[in-house]
Amino acid sequence: MHIGQLERDKFDAAARLFADAFLDDPGWVAVGPDSRKRRHANLRRYHRNALDVIERYGGPIYGAFDAPGDRLTGVAATFPADVYPPPAWTILKFVPGFLLAGPGPIVRGLRFTAVQERGHPHYEHVYLWFLAVDPLHQRGGIGRALLARVYEGAGAPVYLDTANPANVPYYASNGYHELGRADGPRGASMWFMMRPR
């Protein structure tokens, strides 16, 4: 396995990886369409657009690749200290995908986004917006290797949020502590976590 900057020609593969990894994530189940097929398509569109925003206004975006065929197996997408949030107009990039998902996901997505933004700290930090590992390669150290690469270039505390309760002990084992927790739509919760510098 090797980790490097994710190039633009890998963004479609990364969006599919995110969709596969987050398909049954409690936060996305709460927000997205009930149909798994429609939710997967929504996730793929959302993350493809998010990668464009992160590339232009944030970064770096790291990819983990298996050595034999350079197959993408994991992605960590970040915003450096004092760069998040991107310009407000970038929300428009996500509108078409949510319109296709239907009115319920639009309302739930806006509600959860508001919860997410309220939990965001107001002091210098690197924001780990997304971390995902291909489901076929999970529990093999790829996530930890991507996190180590994020820390290597961070120069500031690293902040993240997660709506998956199973992620809380995982991140705690990586040095994060919980800053708070908030309720989201359809019984989902969001945890806000920080790893000191």
N, C-alpha and C. Protein backbone atom coordinates (compact mmCIF):
# COMPACT_ATOMS: atom_id res chain seq x y z
N MET A 1 0.85 -1.18 0.00
CA MET A 1 0.00 0.00 0.00
C MET A 1 0.89 1.24 0.00
N HIS A 2 0.47 2.22 -0.77
CA HIS A 2 1.14 3.51 -0.66
C HIS A 2 0.09 4.62 -0.63
N ILE A 3 0.46 5.74 -0.02
CA ILE A 3 -0.45 6.87 0.16
C ILE A 3 0.16 8.08 -0.53
N GLY A 4 -0.69 8.76 -1.31
CA GLY A 4 -0.23 9.96 -2.00
C GLY A 4 -1.39 10.89 -2.26
N GLN A 5 -1.08 12.02 -2.87
CA GLN A 5 -2.12 12.97 -3.24
C GLN A 5 -3.08 12.30 -4.23
N LEU A 6 -4.36 12.51 -4.02
CA LEU A 6 -5.36 11.96 -4.94
C LEU A 6 -5.49 12.90 -6.12
N GLU A 7 -5.19 12.40 -7.29
CA GLU A 7 -5.28 13.22 -8.51
C GLU A 7 -6.72 13.25 -9.02
N ARG A 8 -7.01 14.28 -9.79
CA ARG A 8 -8.36 14.51 -10.28
C ARG A 8 -8.91 13.33 -11.09
N ASP A 9 -8.07 12.63 -11.81
CA ASP A 9 -8.55 11.52 -12.62
C ASP A 9 -9.03 10.33 -11.77
N LYS A 10 -8.80 10.41 -10.46
CA LYS A 10 -9.28 9.36 -9.54
C LYS A 10 -10.53 9.79 -8.77
N PHE A 11 -11.05 10.99 -9.04
CA PHE A 11 -12.19 11.49 -8.28
C PHE A 11 -13.44 10.63 -8.46
N ASP A 12 -13.69 10.14 -9.66
CA ASP A 12 -14.88 9.29 -9.87
C ASP A 12 -14.76 8.00 -9.05
N ALA A 13 -13.57 7.41 -9.05
CA ALA A 13 -13.35 6.19 -8.26
C ALA A 13 -13.50 6.50 -6.77
N ALA A 14 -13.02 7.67 -6.34
CA ALA A 14 -13.14 8.05 -4.93
C ALA A 14 -14.60 8.25 -4.55
N ALA A 15 -15.39 8.86 -5.44
CA ALA A 15 -16.82 9.06 -5.15
C ALA A 15 -17.54 7.72 -5.01
N ARG A 16 -17.19 6.75 -5.84
CA ARG A 16 -17.77 5.40 -5.71
C ARG A 16 -17.36 4.76 -4.39
N LEU A 17 -16.08 4.94 -4.02
CA LEU A 17 -15.59 4.38 -2.76
C LEU A 17 -16.36 4.98 -1.58
N PHE A 18 -16.55 6.31 -1.58
CA PHE A 18 -17.32 6.95 -0.52
C PHE A 18 -18.74 6.39 -0.47
N ALA A 19 -19.37 6.24 -1.64
CA ALA A 19 -20.74 5.73 -1.67
C ALA A 19 -20.81 4.32 -1.12
N ASP A 20 -19.86 3.48 -1.47
CA ASP A 20 -19.82 2.10 -0.94
C ASP A 20 -19.61 2.10 0.57
N ALA A 21 -18.68 2.95 1.03
CA ALA A 21 -18.32 2.96 2.45
C ALA A 21 -19.42 3.55 3.32
N PHE A 22 -20.15 4.56 2.82
CA PHE A 22 -21.13 5.28 3.63
C PHE A 22 -22.57 4.84 3.38
N LEU A 23 -22.77 3.83 2.55
CA LEU A 23 -24.13 3.42 2.18
C LEU A 23 -25.00 3.11 3.39
N ASP A 24 -24.45 2.43 4.38
CA ASP A 24 -25.22 2.07 5.58
C ASP A 24 -24.80 2.87 6.80
N ASP A 25 -24.07 3.95 6.60
CA ASP A 25 -23.70 4.84 7.69
C ASP A 25 -24.97 5.45 8.28
N PRO A 26 -25.13 5.41 9.62
CA PRO A 26 -26.38 5.90 10.23
C PRO A 26 -26.75 7.33 9.85
N GLY A 27 -25.76 8.20 9.69
CA GLY A 27 -26.06 9.57 9.29
C GLY A 27 -26.63 9.65 7.89
N TRP A 28 -26.03 8.91 6.97
CA TRP A 28 -26.52 8.94 5.59
C TRP A 28 -27.83 8.19 5.45
N VAL A 29 -28.04 7.15 6.24
CA VAL A 29 -29.34 6.46 6.22
C VAL A 29 -30.43 7.41 6.71
N ALA A 30 -30.10 8.23 7.73
CA ALA A 30 -31.08 9.18 8.26
C ALA A 30 -31.39 10.29 7.27
N VAL A 31 -30.40 10.73 6.50
CA VAL A 31 -30.57 11.85 5.60
C VAL A 31 -31.05 11.42 4.22
N GLY A 32 -30.46 10.38 3.68
CA GLY A 32 -30.67 10.04 2.27
C GLY A 32 -31.97 9.34 1.98
N PRO A 33 -32.16 9.00 0.71
CA PRO A 33 -33.35 8.24 0.31
C PRO A 33 -33.38 6.89 1.02
N ASP A 34 -34.59 6.36 1.23
CA ASP A 34 -34.71 5.06 1.89
C ASP A 34 -34.21 3.92 1.01
N SER A 35 -34.37 4.04 -0.29
CA SER A 35 -33.89 3.03 -1.21
C SER A 35 -32.36 3.02 -1.22
N ARG A 36 -31.76 1.86 -1.01
CA ARG A 36 -30.30 1.76 -0.99
C ARG A 36 -29.71 2.16 -2.34
N LYS A 37 -30.39 1.78 -3.42
CA LYS A 37 -29.89 2.11 -4.76
C LYS A 37 -29.88 3.62 -4.97
N ARG A 38 -30.96 4.28 -4.59
CA ARG A 38 -31.03 5.74 -4.75
C ARG A 38 -30.07 6.43 -3.79
N ARG A 39 -29.92 5.89 -2.58
CA ARG A 39 -29.00 6.48 -1.63
C ARG A 39 -27.56 6.37 -2.14
N HIS A 40 -27.21 5.23 -2.73
CA HIS A 40 -25.86 5.05 -3.28
C HIS A 40 -25.61 6.07 -4.39
N ALA A 41 -26.58 6.27 -5.28
CA ALA A 41 -26.42 7.26 -6.35
C ALA A 41 -26.28 8.66 -5.77
N ASN A 42 -27.07 8.98 -4.74
CA ASN A 42 -27.01 10.28 -4.09
C ASN A 42 -25.65 10.50 -3.44
N LEU A 43 -25.15 9.48 -2.75
CA LEU A 43 -23.84 9.55 -2.11
C LEU A 43 -22.73 9.78 -3.14
N ARG A 44 -22.83 9.06 -4.24
CA ARG A 44 -21.80 9.18 -5.29
C ARG A 44 -21.78 10.61 -5.86
N ARG A 45 -22.96 11.16 -6.16
CA ARG A 45 -23.03 12.53 -6.70
C ARG A 45 -22.52 13.54 -5.66
N TYR A 46 -22.97 13.38 -4.42
CA TYR A 46 -22.58 14.31 -3.36
C TYR A 46 -21.06 14.35 -3.21
N HIS A 47 -20.46 13.20 -3.08
CA HIS A 47 -19.02 13.16 -2.82
C HIS A 47 -18.20 13.55 -4.05
N ARG A 48 -18.71 13.30 -5.23
CA ARG A 48 -17.99 13.76 -6.44
C ARG A 48 -17.94 15.28 -6.45
N ASN A 49 -19.06 15.93 -6.12
CA ASN A 49 -19.08 17.39 -6.05
C ASN A 49 -18.22 17.91 -4.89
N ALA A 50 -18.27 17.21 -3.75
CA ALA A 50 -17.47 17.62 -2.60
C ALA A 50 -15.98 17.58 -2.93
N LEU A 51 -15.55 16.57 -3.67
CA LEU A 51 -14.14 16.49 -4.04
C LEU A 51 -13.72 17.69 -4.89
N ASP A 52 -14.59 18.15 -5.79
CA ASP A 52 -14.28 19.35 -6.57
C ASP A 52 -14.11 20.56 -5.66
N VAL A 53 -15.01 20.70 -4.68
CA VAL A 53 -14.94 21.84 -3.75
C VAL A 53 -13.66 21.76 -2.92
N ILE A 54 -13.35 20.57 -2.41
CA ILE A 54 -12.16 20.41 -1.57
C ILE A 54 -10.89 20.68 -2.38
N GLU A 55 -10.86 20.18 -3.62
CA GLU A 55 -9.68 20.41 -4.45
C GLU A 55 -9.45 21.91 -4.67
N ARG A 56 -10.51 22.66 -4.90
CA ARG A 56 -10.37 24.08 -5.21
C ARG A 56 -10.13 24.95 -3.97
N TYR A 57 -10.82 24.62 -2.87
CA TYR A 57 -10.79 25.51 -1.71
C TYR A 57 -10.12 24.91 -0.47
N GLY A 58 -9.78 23.64 -0.52
CA GLY A 58 -9.20 23.01 0.65
C GLY A 58 -8.01 22.15 0.27
N GLY A 59 -8.06 20.93 0.76
CA GLY A 59 -7.01 19.99 0.47
C GLY A 59 -5.97 19.97 1.59
N PRO A 60 -5.12 19.02 1.57
CA PRO A 60 -4.97 18.01 0.54
C PRO A 60 -6.00 16.88 0.65
N ILE A 61 -6.10 16.16 -0.45
CA ILE A 61 -6.90 14.94 -0.51
C ILE A 61 -5.91 13.80 -0.71
N TYR A 62 -5.91 12.86 0.22
CA TYR A 62 -4.99 11.74 0.15
C TYR A 62 -5.72 10.48 -0.30
N GLY A 63 -5.04 9.69 -1.10
CA GLY A 63 -5.56 8.39 -1.51
C GLY A 63 -4.62 7.29 -1.05
N ALA A 64 -5.21 6.16 -0.66
CA ALA A 64 -4.44 4.96 -0.35
C ALA A 64 -4.62 4.00 -1.52
N PHE A 65 -3.54 3.46 -2.01
CA PHE A 65 -3.56 2.59 -3.19
C PHE A 65 -2.89 1.28 -2.87
N ASP A 66 -3.46 0.19 -3.39
CA ASP A 66 -2.77 -1.09 -3.23
C ASP A 66 -1.62 -1.11 -4.23
N ALA A 67 -0.55 -1.71 -3.84
CA ALA A 67 0.66 -1.65 -4.66
C ALA A 67 0.52 -2.32 -6.03
N PRO A 68 -0.09 -3.53 -6.11
CA PRO A 68 -0.05 -4.22 -7.41
C PRO A 68 -0.70 -3.44 -8.56
N GLY A 69 -1.93 -2.99 -8.39
CA GLY A 69 -2.61 -2.36 -9.51
C GLY A 69 -2.95 -0.91 -9.30
N ASP A 70 -2.41 -0.34 -8.24
CA ASP A 70 -2.75 1.04 -7.89
C ASP A 70 -4.25 1.25 -7.78
N ARG A 71 -4.94 0.25 -7.24
CA ARG A 71 -6.39 0.37 -7.00
C ARG A 71 -6.61 1.22 -5.77
N LEU A 72 -7.53 2.19 -5.88
CA LEU A 72 -7.83 3.07 -4.76
C LEU A 72 -8.55 2.28 -3.68
N THR A 73 -8.03 2.33 -2.44
CA THR A 73 -8.63 1.57 -1.34
C THR A 73 -9.09 2.46 -0.18
N GLY A 74 -8.70 3.73 -0.18
CA GLY A 74 -9.13 4.63 0.89
C GLY A 74 -8.87 6.07 0.51
N VAL A 75 -9.62 6.98 1.15
CA VAL A 75 -9.48 8.41 0.86
C VAL A 75 -9.63 9.21 2.16
N ALA A 76 -8.79 10.23 2.33
CA ALA A 76 -8.94 11.21 3.41
C ALA A 76 -8.94 12.59 2.75
N ALA A 77 -10.01 13.35 2.98
CA ALA A 77 -10.15 14.67 2.38
C ALA A 77 -10.19 15.72 3.48
N THR A 78 -9.35 16.74 3.36
CA THR A 78 -9.17 17.69 4.45
C THR A 78 -9.28 19.14 3.98
N PHE A 79 -9.45 20.01 4.95
CA PHE A 79 -9.27 21.45 4.79
C PHE A 79 -8.18 21.86 5.76
N PRO A 80 -7.16 22.59 5.29
CA PRO A 80 -6.10 23.02 6.21
C PRO A 80 -6.61 24.06 7.21
N ALA A 81 -5.79 24.34 8.19
CA ALA A 81 -6.17 25.29 9.24
C ALA A 81 -6.59 26.62 8.64
N ASP A 82 -7.66 27.17 9.18
CA ASP A 82 -8.19 28.49 8.80
C ASP A 82 -8.69 28.59 7.36
N VAL A 83 -9.03 27.48 6.73
CA VAL A 83 -9.55 27.54 5.36
C VAL A 83 -11.03 27.21 5.30
N TYR A 84 -11.51 26.34 6.18
CA TYR A 84 -12.93 25.97 6.18
C TYR A 84 -13.74 27.08 6.84
N PRO A 85 -14.94 27.39 6.35
CA PRO A 85 -15.67 26.75 5.26
C PRO A 85 -15.30 27.34 3.90
N PRO A 86 -15.62 26.59 2.85
CA PRO A 86 -15.45 27.14 1.51
C PRO A 86 -16.48 28.25 1.28
N PRO A 87 -16.38 28.99 0.19
CA PRO A 87 -17.35 30.05 -0.07
C PRO A 87 -18.79 29.53 -0.04
N ALA A 88 -19.69 30.37 0.47
CA ALA A 88 -21.09 29.96 0.65
C ALA A 88 -21.74 29.49 -0.64
N TRP A 89 -21.35 30.07 -1.76
CA TRP A 89 -22.00 29.71 -3.03
C TRP A 89 -21.74 28.25 -3.42
N THR A 90 -20.72 27.61 -2.84
CA THR A 90 -20.41 26.23 -3.24
C THR A 90 -21.53 25.26 -2.86
N ILE A 91 -22.43 25.68 -1.97
CA ILE A 91 -23.58 24.83 -1.64
C ILE A 91 -24.39 24.53 -2.90
N LEU A 92 -24.34 25.43 -3.87
CA LEU A 92 -25.09 25.24 -5.12
C LEU A 92 -24.61 24.01 -5.89
N LYS A 93 -23.37 23.62 -5.70
CA LYS A 93 -22.86 22.42 -6.39
C LYS A 93 -23.60 21.16 -5.95
N PHE A 94 -24.17 21.19 -4.73
CA PHE A 94 -24.82 20.00 -4.18
C PHE A 94 -26.32 19.96 -4.47
N VAL A 95 -26.87 21.09 -4.92
CA VAL A 95 -28.33 21.17 -5.11
C VAL A 95 -28.85 20.16 -6.12
N PRO A 96 -28.26 20.03 -7.32
CA PRO A 96 -28.84 19.08 -8.29
C PRO A 96 -28.95 17.66 -7.77
N GLY A 97 -27.92 17.20 -7.07
CA GLY A 97 -27.95 15.85 -6.53
C GLY A 97 -29.06 15.65 -5.52
N PHE A 98 -29.26 16.64 -4.65
CA PHE A 98 -30.32 16.51 -3.66
C PHE A 98 -31.69 16.68 -4.27
N LEU A 99 -31.81 17.48 -5.35
CA LEU A 99 -33.10 17.58 -6.03
C LEU A 99 -33.50 16.22 -6.60
N LEU A 100 -32.52 15.50 -7.13
CA LEU A 100 -32.80 14.16 -7.65
C LEU A 100 -33.17 13.19 -6.53
N ALA A 101 -32.66 13.45 -5.32
CA ALA A 101 -32.95 12.55 -4.19
C ALA A 101 -34.37 12.75 -3.65
N GLY A 102 -34.94 13.94 -3.87
CA GLY A 102 -36.31 14.19 -3.42
C GLY A 102 -36.39 15.16 -2.27
N PRO A 103 -37.60 15.62 -1.92
CA PRO A 103 -37.76 16.66 -0.90
C PRO A 103 -37.34 16.22 0.50
N GLY A 104 -37.61 14.97 0.88
CA GLY A 104 -37.23 14.50 2.22
C GLY A 104 -35.74 14.61 2.46
N PRO A 105 -34.90 14.06 1.57
CA PRO A 105 -33.46 14.18 1.75
C PRO A 105 -32.97 15.63 1.74
N ILE A 106 -33.62 16.50 0.97
CA ILE A 106 -33.22 17.90 0.95
C ILE A 106 -33.41 18.51 2.34
N VAL A 107 -34.59 18.33 2.91
CA VAL A 107 -34.90 18.91 4.22
C VAL A 107 -34.00 18.30 5.29
N ARG A 108 -33.86 16.97 5.28
CA ARG A 108 -33.02 16.32 6.29
C ARG A 108 -31.55 16.69 6.13
N GLY A 109 -31.10 16.82 4.87
CA GLY A 109 -29.72 17.19 4.62
C GLY A 109 -29.42 18.60 5.12
N LEU A 110 -30.34 19.53 4.88
CA LEU A 110 -30.14 20.90 5.37
C LEU A 110 -30.14 20.93 6.90
N ARG A 111 -31.01 20.14 7.49
CA ARG A 111 -31.08 20.10 8.95
C ARG A 111 -29.79 19.54 9.56
N PHE A 112 -29.29 18.47 8.98
CA PHE A 112 -28.07 17.87 9.52
C PHE A 112 -26.85 18.75 9.24
N THR A 113 -26.85 19.45 8.11
CA THR A 113 -25.77 20.38 7.81
C THR A 113 -25.71 21.49 8.85
N ALA A 114 -26.89 21.98 9.25
CA ALA A 114 -26.94 23.02 10.29
C ALA A 114 -26.39 22.50 11.62
N VAL A 115 -26.73 21.25 11.97
CA VAL A 115 -26.20 20.63 13.18
C VAL A 115 -24.67 20.53 13.08
N GLN A 116 -24.20 20.10 11.93
CA GLN A 116 -22.77 19.93 11.70
C GLN A 116 -22.04 21.27 11.84
N GLU A 117 -22.58 22.32 11.25
CA GLU A 117 -21.92 23.63 11.31
C GLU A 117 -21.92 24.21 12.72
N ARG A 118 -22.98 23.99 13.49
CA ARG A 118 -23.02 24.49 14.87
C ARG A 118 -21.96 23.82 15.74
N GLY A 119 -21.60 22.59 15.43
CA GLY A 119 -20.60 21.87 16.23
C GLY A 119 -19.17 22.19 15.86
N HIS A 120 -18.98 22.88 14.75
CA HIS A 120 -17.63 23.15 14.25
C HIS A 120 -16.92 24.14 15.17
N PRO A 121 -15.69 23.85 15.61
CA PRO A 121 -14.98 24.77 16.51
C PRO A 121 -14.59 26.06 15.81
N HIS A 122 -14.40 27.10 16.62
CA HIS A 122 -14.08 28.42 16.09
C HIS A 122 -12.64 28.82 16.41
N TYR A 123 -11.74 27.86 16.39
CA TYR A 123 -10.32 28.14 16.58
C TYR A 123 -9.55 27.31 15.58
N GLU A 124 -8.28 27.61 15.41
CA GLU A 124 -7.48 27.01 14.35
C GLU A 124 -7.47 25.48 14.44
N HIS A 125 -7.74 24.85 13.31
CA HIS A 125 -7.73 23.38 13.24
C HIS A 125 -7.73 22.96 11.78
N VAL A 126 -7.27 21.76 11.56
CA VAL A 126 -7.43 21.09 10.27
C VAL A 126 -8.75 20.34 10.34
N TYR A 127 -9.54 20.40 9.28
CA TYR A 127 -10.83 19.71 9.26
C TYR A 127 -10.72 18.47 8.39
N LEU A 128 -10.87 17.32 9.01
CA LEU A 128 -10.94 16.06 8.27
C LEU A 128 -12.40 15.87 7.87
N TRP A 129 -12.74 16.30 6.66
CA TRP A 129 -14.13 16.28 6.23
C TRP A 129 -14.58 14.85 5.97
N PHE A 130 -13.75 14.08 5.27
CA PHE A 130 -14.13 12.69 4.96
C PHE A 130 -12.94 11.76 5.15
N LEU A 131 -13.24 10.60 5.72
CA LEU A 131 -12.29 9.49 5.75
C LEU A 131 -13.09 8.24 5.43
N ALA A 132 -12.68 7.52 4.41
CA ALA A 132 -13.40 6.30 4.04
C ALA A 132 -12.42 5.27 3.49
N VAL A 133 -12.74 4.02 3.77
CA VAL A 133 -11.96 2.88 3.26
C VAL A 133 -12.93 1.97 2.54
N ASP A 134 -12.51 1.47 1.39
CA ASP A 134 -13.32 0.52 0.63
C ASP A 134 -13.75 -0.61 1.58
N PRO A 135 -15.05 -0.94 1.61
CA PRO A 135 -15.52 -1.98 2.54
C PRO A 135 -14.76 -3.31 2.42
N LEU A 136 -14.26 -3.63 1.24
CA LEU A 136 -13.52 -4.89 1.06
C LEU A 136 -12.12 -4.82 1.68
N HIS A 137 -11.67 -3.62 2.05
CA HIS A 137 -10.32 -3.45 2.59
C HIS A 137 -10.31 -2.88 4.01
N GLN A 138 -11.47 -2.84 4.65
CA GLN A 138 -11.52 -2.28 6.00
C GLN A 138 -10.88 -3.24 7.00
N ARG A 139 -10.47 -2.66 8.12
CA ARG A 139 -9.83 -3.39 9.22
C ARG A 139 -8.46 -3.95 8.84
N GLY A 140 -7.82 -3.28 7.89
CA GLY A 140 -6.48 -3.70 7.49
C GLY A 140 -5.43 -2.63 7.70
N GLY A 141 -5.79 -1.55 8.41
CA GLY A 141 -4.82 -0.50 8.70
C GLY A 141 -4.80 0.66 7.73
N ILE A 142 -5.65 0.62 6.71
CA ILE A 142 -5.66 1.70 5.71
C ILE A 142 -6.12 3.01 6.33
N GLY A 143 -7.19 2.96 7.12
CA GLY A 143 -7.69 4.18 7.76
C GLY A 143 -6.64 4.81 8.66
N ARG A 144 -5.97 3.99 9.45
CA ARG A 144 -4.92 4.51 10.34
C ARG A 144 -3.75 5.10 9.55
N ALA A 145 -3.41 4.47 8.43
CA ALA A 145 -2.32 4.99 7.60
C ALA A 145 -2.71 6.34 6.99
N LEU A 146 -3.96 6.48 6.56
CA LEU A 146 -4.43 7.76 6.03
C LEU A 146 -4.43 8.82 7.13
N LEU A 147 -4.90 8.45 8.32
CA LEU A 147 -4.89 9.41 9.44
C LEU A 147 -3.46 9.85 9.75
N ALA A 148 -2.52 8.93 9.75
CA ALA A 148 -1.13 9.28 10.03
C ALA A 148 -0.61 10.28 9.00
N ARG A 149 -1.02 10.11 7.75
CA ARG A 149 -0.60 11.06 6.70
C ARG A 149 -1.22 12.44 6.93
N VAL A 150 -2.48 12.47 7.36
CA VAL A 150 -3.13 13.74 7.68
C VAL A 150 -2.37 14.44 8.81
N TYR A 151 -2.04 13.71 9.87
CA TYR A 151 -1.35 14.30 11.03
C TYR A 151 0.03 14.83 10.63
N GLU A 152 0.69 14.12 9.74
CA GLU A 152 2.04 14.47 9.32
C GLU A 152 2.08 15.89 8.74
N GLY A 153 1.06 16.26 8.00
CA GLY A 153 1.06 17.57 7.38
C GLY A 153 0.16 18.59 8.05
N ALA A 154 -0.41 18.25 9.20
CA ALA A 154 -1.46 19.08 9.78
C ALA A 154 -0.94 20.39 10.37
N GLY A 155 -0.01 20.35 11.30
CA GLY A 155 0.49 21.55 11.94
C GLY A 155 -0.51 22.23 12.86
N ALA A 156 -1.61 21.56 13.16
CA ALA A 156 -2.67 22.12 14.02
C ALA A 156 -3.51 20.95 14.52
N PRO A 157 -4.36 21.16 15.53
CA PRO A 157 -5.27 20.09 15.92
C PRO A 157 -6.14 19.66 14.73
N VAL A 158 -6.55 18.40 14.75
CA VAL A 158 -7.39 17.87 13.66
C VAL A 158 -8.79 17.62 14.21
N TYR A 159 -9.77 18.19 13.55
CA TYR A 159 -11.18 18.09 13.95
C TYR A 159 -11.93 17.24 12.93
N LEU A 160 -12.94 16.50 13.43
CA LEU A 160 -13.84 15.76 12.56
C LEU A 160 -15.19 15.65 13.22
N ASP A 161 -16.19 15.29 12.42
CA ASP A 161 -17.49 14.95 12.97
C ASP A 161 -17.93 13.64 12.34
N THR A 162 -18.72 12.89 13.08
CA THR A 162 -19.19 11.60 12.59
C THR A 162 -20.60 11.34 13.11
N ALA A 163 -21.39 10.70 12.26
CA ALA A 163 -22.74 10.32 12.67
C ALA A 163 -22.84 8.81 12.88
N ASN A 164 -21.70 8.15 12.92
CA ASN A 164 -21.68 6.70 13.13
C ASN A 164 -21.13 6.41 14.53
N PRO A 165 -21.96 5.92 15.45
CA PRO A 165 -21.46 5.66 16.80
C PRO A 165 -20.30 4.67 16.85
N ALA A 166 -20.21 3.78 15.87
CA ALA A 166 -19.10 2.83 15.83
C ALA A 166 -17.77 3.53 15.58
N ASN A 167 -17.81 4.73 14.99
CA ASN A 167 -16.57 5.46 14.71
C ASN A 167 -16.00 6.14 15.95
N VAL A 168 -16.84 6.40 16.95
CA VAL A 168 -16.38 7.17 18.12
C VAL A 168 -15.24 6.45 18.84
N PRO A 169 -15.36 5.17 19.19
CA PRO A 169 -14.21 4.51 19.84
C PRO A 169 -13.01 4.36 18.90
N TYR A 170 -13.25 4.21 17.61
CA TYR A 170 -12.16 4.11 16.64
C TYR A 170 -11.33 5.39 16.67
N TYR A 171 -12.01 6.53 16.58
CA TYR A 171 -11.28 7.80 16.60
C TYR A 171 -10.66 8.06 17.97
N ALA A 172 -11.34 7.66 19.03
CA ALA A 172 -10.76 7.81 20.37
C ALA A 172 -9.44 7.05 20.47
N SER A 173 -9.38 5.87 19.85
CA SER A 173 -8.14 5.09 19.87
C SER A 173 -7.04 5.74 19.03
N ASN A 174 -7.42 6.72 18.22
CA ASN A 174 -6.46 7.47 17.41
C ASN A 174 -6.15 8.84 18.03
N GLY A 175 -6.50 9.03 19.31
CA GLY A 175 -6.13 10.25 20.01
C GLY A 175 -7.17 11.36 20.03
N TYR A 176 -8.36 11.10 19.49
CA TYR A 176 -9.41 12.12 19.49
C TYR A 176 -10.18 12.09 20.80
N HIS A 177 -10.66 13.26 21.22
CA HIS A 177 -11.58 13.32 22.35
C HIS A 177 -12.86 14.00 21.88
N GLU A 178 -13.92 13.67 22.54
CA GLU A 178 -15.23 14.17 22.15
C GLU A 178 -15.44 15.59 22.66
N LEU A 179 -15.80 16.48 21.73
CA LEU A 179 -16.12 17.87 22.09
C LEU A 179 -17.60 18.04 22.42
N GLY A 180 -18.42 17.20 21.84
CA GLY A 180 -19.86 17.31 22.05
C GLY A 180 -20.61 16.37 21.14
N ARG A 181 -21.92 16.42 21.28
CA ARG A 181 -22.80 15.53 20.50
C ARG A 181 -24.10 16.27 20.29
N ALA A 182 -24.75 16.05 19.14
CA ALA A 182 -26.02 16.72 18.85
C ALA A 182 -26.95 15.76 18.11
N ASP A 183 -28.24 15.98 18.28
CA ASP A 183 -29.24 15.15 17.62
C ASP A 183 -29.49 15.65 16.20
N GLY A 184 -29.72 14.69 15.31
CA GLY A 184 -30.03 15.00 13.92
C GLY A 184 -31.37 14.43 13.53
N PRO A 185 -31.66 14.36 12.24
CA PRO A 185 -32.95 13.85 11.77
C PRO A 185 -33.11 12.35 11.98
N ARG A 186 -34.34 11.93 12.12
CA ARG A 186 -34.74 10.51 12.18
C ARG A 186 -33.91 9.72 13.19
N GLY A 187 -33.64 10.32 14.34
CA GLY A 187 -32.97 9.61 15.43
C GLY A 187 -31.46 9.53 15.32
N ALA A 188 -30.88 10.13 14.30
CA ALA A 188 -29.42 10.09 14.15
C ALA A 188 -28.77 11.09 15.11
N SER A 189 -27.51 10.88 15.42
CA SER A 189 -26.73 11.79 16.24
C SER A 189 -25.44 12.12 15.52
N MET A 190 -24.83 13.22 15.91
CA MET A 190 -23.53 13.59 15.37
C MET A 190 -22.58 13.87 16.52
N TRP A 191 -21.39 13.29 16.44
CA TRP A 191 -20.34 13.51 17.43
C TRP A 191 -19.29 14.43 16.83
N PHE A 192 -18.79 15.36 17.66
CA PHE A 192 -17.75 16.30 17.26
C PHE A 192 -16.49 15.93 18.04
N MET A 193 -15.39 15.72 17.32
CA MET A 193 -14.19 15.19 17.94
C MET A 193 -12.93 15.95 17.50
N MET A 194 -11.98 16.04 18.40
CA MET A 194 -10.75 16.78 18.14
C MET A 194 -9.54 15.96 18.58
N ARG A 195 -8.51 15.98 17.78
CA ARG A 195 -7.22 15.38 18.15
C ARG A 195 -6.24 16.52 18.37
N PRO A 196 -5.69 16.66 19.59
CA PRO A 196 -4.76 17.76 19.84
C PRO A 196 -3.54 17.68 18.92
N ARG A 197 -2.91 18.78 18.79
CA ARG A 197 -1.71 18.89 17.94
C ARG A 197 -0.60 17.97 18.42
